[in-house]
Amino acid sequence: MKIKVWTDNNNRLLNWAYMNDSRPVGSTDDGQQIIGVDSTDGLYENHASIIDGKVVPDADYDPDADRPKPEASPEQQMLAALYARVMKLEGGEKNE
């Protein structure tokens, strides 16, 4: 498949978009590049470079660690606070 890539002066990937496969590989009229890729895996904006028409992801980048963690809802926060109070009242363990 073919994609259009926007890069900075250091060939760092800033953005990308799918392109029609009939488009030729190479520079575009607006100064960007069209490259061929087998997969969009590794197309991490701001965490990859384009070297010799190939996508090279940063070796130390973990996209899963970069995702924001969901915050607890107000109901979940209330339940956690209630659970903490109960555990404190009970001494932190079951009474036998």
N, C-alpha and C. Protein backbone atom coordinates (compact mmCIF):
# COMPACT_ATOMS: atom_id res chain seq x y z
N MET A 1 0.84 -1.16 0.00
CA MET A 1 0.00 0.00 0.00
C MET A 1 0.89 1.23 0.00
N LYS A 2 0.32 2.35 -0.39
CA LYS A 2 1.09 3.59 -0.44
C LYS A 2 0.52 4.60 0.55
N ILE A 3 1.45 5.34 1.14
CA ILE A 3 1.06 6.39 2.08
C ILE A 3 1.84 7.65 1.74
N LYS A 4 1.27 8.77 2.12
CA LYS A 4 1.95 10.06 2.01
C LYS A 4 2.42 10.42 3.41
N VAL A 5 3.68 10.82 3.51
CA VAL A 5 4.24 11.16 4.82
C VAL A 5 4.69 12.61 4.83
N TRP A 6 4.44 13.25 5.97
CA TRP A 6 4.93 14.59 6.25
C TRP A 6 6.06 14.42 7.25
N THR A 7 7.20 15.02 6.96
CA THR A 7 8.35 14.90 7.85
C THR A 7 8.92 16.29 8.15
N ASP A 8 9.69 16.36 9.22
CA ASP A 8 10.39 17.61 9.53
C ASP A 8 11.74 17.60 8.82
N ASN A 9 12.60 18.56 9.13
CA ASN A 9 13.91 18.67 8.47
C ASN A 9 14.85 17.51 8.79
N ASN A 10 14.54 16.77 9.86
CA ASN A 10 15.36 15.62 10.26
C ASN A 10 14.74 14.30 9.83
N ASN A 11 13.76 14.36 8.92
CA ASN A 11 13.03 13.18 8.43
C ASN A 11 12.24 12.45 9.51
N ARG A 12 11.87 13.18 10.57
CA ARG A 12 11.02 12.61 11.61
C ARG A 12 9.58 12.64 11.11
N LEU A 13 8.84 11.56 11.32
CA LEU A 13 7.46 11.45 10.87
C LEU A 13 6.56 12.36 11.68
N LEU A 14 5.90 13.30 11.00
CA LEU A 14 4.97 14.20 11.66
C LEU A 14 3.53 13.77 11.47
N ASN A 15 3.22 13.24 10.28
CA ASN A 15 1.85 12.86 9.96
C ASN A 15 1.90 11.92 8.76
N TRP A 16 0.83 11.17 8.54
CA TRP A 16 0.76 10.32 7.36
C TRP A 16 -0.69 10.12 6.97
N ALA A 17 -0.90 9.72 5.71
CA ALA A 17 -2.25 9.47 5.20
C ALA A 17 -2.16 8.40 4.12
N TYR A 18 -3.23 7.62 3.98
CA TYR A 18 -3.29 6.63 2.91
C TYR A 18 -3.33 7.33 1.57
N MET A 19 -2.72 6.72 0.56
CA MET A 19 -2.74 7.26 -0.80
C MET A 19 -3.24 6.18 -1.75
N ASN A 20 -3.72 6.62 -2.90
CA ASN A 20 -4.15 5.72 -3.95
C ASN A 20 -2.91 4.95 -4.44
N ASP A 21 -3.04 3.63 -4.61
CA ASP A 21 -1.90 2.82 -5.00
C ASP A 21 -1.39 3.13 -6.40
N SER A 22 -2.16 3.88 -7.18
CA SER A 22 -1.69 4.22 -8.53
C SER A 22 -0.73 5.42 -8.50
N ARG A 23 -0.62 6.09 -7.35
CA ARG A 23 0.30 7.24 -7.24
C ARG A 23 1.74 6.74 -7.26
N PRO A 24 2.61 7.46 -7.95
CA PRO A 24 4.02 7.04 -7.99
C PRO A 24 4.73 7.35 -6.66
N VAL A 25 5.68 6.50 -6.30
CA VAL A 25 6.50 6.71 -5.12
C VAL A 25 7.46 7.87 -5.40
N GLY A 26 7.66 8.70 -4.39
CA GLY A 26 8.60 9.81 -4.53
C GLY A 26 8.03 11.09 -3.96
N SER A 27 8.69 12.20 -4.28
CA SER A 27 8.28 13.51 -3.77
C SER A 27 6.99 13.97 -4.43
N THR A 28 6.21 14.73 -3.67
CA THR A 28 4.96 15.29 -4.18
C THR A 28 5.16 16.77 -4.51
N ASP A 29 4.18 17.35 -5.18
CA ASP A 29 4.25 18.77 -5.54
C ASP A 29 4.32 19.67 -4.32
N ASP A 30 3.76 19.21 -3.19
CA ASP A 30 3.77 20.05 -1.99
C ASP A 30 4.96 19.75 -1.07
N GLY A 31 5.96 19.03 -1.58
CA GLY A 31 7.18 18.81 -0.83
C GLY A 31 7.16 17.63 0.13
N GLN A 32 6.13 16.81 0.07
CA GLN A 32 6.07 15.64 0.94
C GLN A 32 6.55 14.41 0.17
N GLN A 33 6.40 13.23 0.75
CA GLN A 33 6.84 12.00 0.09
C GLN A 33 5.71 10.99 0.04
N ILE A 34 5.69 10.21 -1.02
CA ILE A 34 4.81 9.03 -1.08
C ILE A 34 5.74 7.83 -1.04
N ILE A 35 5.45 6.93 -0.09
CA ILE A 35 6.26 5.72 0.06
C ILE A 35 5.35 4.50 0.06
N GLY A 36 5.92 3.37 -0.25
CA GLY A 36 5.19 2.11 -0.18
C GLY A 36 5.51 1.40 1.12
N VAL A 37 4.47 0.87 1.77
CA VAL A 37 4.65 0.12 3.02
C VAL A 37 3.82 -1.17 2.95
N ASP A 38 4.26 -2.18 3.66
CA ASP A 38 3.50 -3.43 3.76
C ASP A 38 2.41 -3.33 4.80
N SER A 39 2.67 -2.51 5.84
CA SER A 39 1.76 -2.41 6.97
C SER A 39 1.88 -1.02 7.57
N THR A 40 0.85 -0.59 8.26
CA THR A 40 0.91 0.70 8.95
C THR A 40 1.48 0.56 10.37
N ASP A 41 1.86 -0.65 10.75
CA ASP A 41 2.51 -0.85 12.05
C ASP A 41 3.80 -0.04 12.08
N GLY A 42 4.07 0.62 13.16
CA GLY A 42 5.29 1.39 13.31
C GLY A 42 5.18 2.82 12.83
N LEU A 43 4.02 3.22 12.30
CA LEU A 43 3.83 4.60 11.86
C LEU A 43 3.43 5.47 13.05
N TYR A 44 4.36 5.66 13.95
CA TYR A 44 4.10 6.42 15.16
C TYR A 44 4.53 7.86 14.93
N GLU A 45 3.56 8.75 14.83
CA GLU A 45 3.87 10.16 14.60
C GLU A 45 4.71 10.69 15.74
N ASN A 46 5.77 11.38 15.42
CA ASN A 46 6.74 11.93 16.35
C ASN A 46 7.59 10.87 17.04
N HIS A 47 7.46 9.61 16.62
CA HIS A 47 8.25 8.53 17.21
C HIS A 47 8.78 7.59 16.15
N ALA A 48 9.02 8.11 14.94
CA ALA A 48 9.57 7.31 13.85
C ALA A 48 10.26 8.25 12.87
N SER A 49 11.14 7.68 12.06
CA SER A 49 11.83 8.43 11.01
C SER A 49 11.57 7.74 9.68
N ILE A 50 11.72 8.50 8.61
CA ILE A 50 11.65 7.95 7.26
C ILE A 50 13.08 7.97 6.73
N ILE A 51 13.64 6.78 6.52
CA ILE A 51 15.02 6.65 6.05
C ILE A 51 15.02 5.81 4.79
N ASP A 52 15.51 6.38 3.70
CA ASP A 52 15.55 5.72 2.40
C ASP A 52 14.17 5.16 2.02
N GLY A 53 13.12 5.94 2.27
CA GLY A 53 11.77 5.53 1.89
C GLY A 53 11.16 4.46 2.78
N LYS A 54 11.79 4.17 3.91
CA LYS A 54 11.30 3.16 4.84
C LYS A 54 11.00 3.80 6.19
N VAL A 55 9.98 3.28 6.87
CA VAL A 55 9.62 3.75 8.20
C VAL A 55 10.49 3.04 9.22
N VAL A 56 11.15 3.82 10.07
CA VAL A 56 12.01 3.26 11.12
C VAL A 56 11.51 3.80 12.46
N PRO A 57 10.72 2.98 13.20
CA PRO A 57 10.23 3.43 14.51
C PRO A 57 11.38 3.59 15.50
N ASP A 58 11.22 4.50 16.45
CA ASP A 58 12.20 4.66 17.52
C ASP A 58 12.31 3.34 18.29
N ALA A 59 13.52 2.89 18.53
CA ALA A 59 13.75 1.60 19.17
C ALA A 59 13.17 1.53 20.58
N ASP A 60 13.19 2.63 21.32
CA ASP A 60 12.77 2.60 22.72
C ASP A 60 11.33 3.07 22.92
N TYR A 61 10.57 3.27 21.83
CA TYR A 61 9.21 3.79 21.97
C TYR A 61 8.22 2.65 22.20
N ASP A 62 7.39 2.79 23.23
CA ASP A 62 6.34 1.82 23.54
C ASP A 62 4.99 2.51 23.41
N PRO A 63 4.25 2.26 22.31
CA PRO A 63 2.98 2.97 22.12
C PRO A 63 1.96 2.66 23.20
N ASP A 64 2.01 1.47 23.78
CA ASP A 64 1.05 1.14 24.85
C ASP A 64 1.30 1.97 26.10
N ALA A 65 2.55 2.25 26.41
CA ALA A 65 2.87 3.05 27.59
C ALA A 65 2.53 4.52 27.36
N ASP A 66 2.39 4.92 26.11
CA ASP A 66 2.12 6.32 25.78
C ASP A 66 0.64 6.67 25.80
N ARG A 67 -0.22 5.66 25.91
CA ARG A 67 -1.66 5.91 25.93
C ARG A 67 -2.08 6.42 27.31
N PRO A 68 -2.97 7.39 27.34
CA PRO A 68 -3.44 7.87 28.65
C PRO A 68 -4.23 6.78 29.37
N LYS A 69 -4.03 6.69 30.64
CA LYS A 69 -4.75 5.71 31.45
C LYS A 69 -6.13 6.26 31.79
N PRO A 70 -7.16 5.43 31.72
CA PRO A 70 -8.50 5.92 32.05
C PRO A 70 -8.59 6.27 33.53
N GLU A 71 -9.31 7.34 33.81
CA GLU A 71 -9.50 7.75 35.20
C GLU A 71 -10.75 7.08 35.76
N ALA A 72 -10.74 6.85 37.05
CA ALA A 72 -11.88 6.23 37.71
C ALA A 72 -13.07 7.18 37.68
N SER A 73 -14.24 6.61 37.46
CA SER A 73 -15.46 7.42 37.46
C SER A 73 -15.76 7.87 38.90
N PRO A 74 -16.61 8.87 39.06
CA PRO A 74 -16.97 9.29 40.43
C PRO A 74 -17.55 8.13 41.24
N GLU A 75 -18.31 7.25 40.60
CA GLU A 75 -18.88 6.10 41.31
C GLU A 75 -17.79 5.15 41.76
N GLN A 76 -16.79 4.91 40.90
CA GLN A 76 -15.69 4.02 41.27
C GLN A 76 -14.87 4.63 42.40
N GLN A 77 -14.66 5.96 42.36
CA GLN A 77 -13.93 6.63 43.43
C GLN A 77 -14.69 6.51 44.75
N MET A 78 -16.02 6.67 44.70
CA MET A 78 -16.83 6.56 45.91
C MET A 78 -16.76 5.14 46.48
N LEU A 79 -16.85 4.14 45.62
CA LEU A 79 -16.76 2.75 46.09
C LEU A 79 -15.39 2.45 46.69
N ALA A 80 -14.33 2.97 46.09
CA ALA A 80 -12.99 2.75 46.63
C ALA A 80 -12.85 3.41 48.00
N ALA A 81 -13.39 4.62 48.15
CA ALA A 81 -13.33 5.30 49.45
C ALA A 81 -14.14 4.53 50.49
N LEU A 82 -15.30 4.04 50.11
CA LEU A 82 -16.13 3.27 51.03
C LEU A 82 -15.42 1.98 51.43
N TYR A 83 -14.83 1.31 50.46
CA TYR A 83 -14.09 0.08 50.75
C TYR A 83 -12.94 0.37 51.72
N ALA A 84 -12.23 1.47 51.50
CA ALA A 84 -11.11 1.83 52.39
C ALA A 84 -11.61 2.08 53.81
N ARG A 85 -12.78 2.74 53.94
CA ARG A 85 -13.34 2.99 55.28
C ARG A 85 -13.70 1.68 55.97
N VAL A 86 -14.33 0.78 55.23
CA VAL A 86 -14.72 -0.51 55.81
C VAL A 86 -13.48 -1.28 56.25
N MET A 87 -12.45 -1.29 55.41
CA MET A 87 -11.23 -2.02 55.76
C MET A 87 -10.57 -1.41 56.99
N LYS A 88 -10.62 -0.07 57.10
CA LYS A 88 -10.05 0.57 58.27
C LYS A 88 -10.83 0.23 59.53
N LEU A 89 -12.17 0.21 59.43
CA LEU A 89 -13.00 -0.12 60.57
C LEU A 89 -12.80 -1.57 61.00
N GLU A 90 -12.56 -2.44 60.04
CA GLU A 90 -12.40 -3.86 60.34
C GLU A 90 -10.95 -4.23 60.64
N GLY A 91 -10.08 -3.28 60.64
CA GLY A 91 -8.67 -3.56 60.92
C GLY A 91 -7.93 -4.12 59.73
N GLY A 92 -8.50 -4.02 58.56
CA GLY A 92 -7.80 -4.44 57.35
C GLY A 92 -7.88 -5.93 57.04
N GLU A 93 -8.52 -6.71 57.93
CA GLU A 93 -8.66 -8.14 57.64
C GLU A 93 -9.95 -8.64 58.26
N LYS A 94 -10.33 -9.82 57.85
CA LYS A 94 -11.58 -10.38 58.36
C LYS A 94 -11.47 -10.71 59.84
N ASN A 95 -12.55 -10.45 60.57
CA ASN A 95 -12.61 -10.85 61.98
C ASN A 95 -13.11 -12.29 62.01
N GLU A 96 -12.40 -13.14 62.73
CA GLU A 96 -12.82 -14.54 62.81
C GLU A 96 -13.22 -14.90 64.20
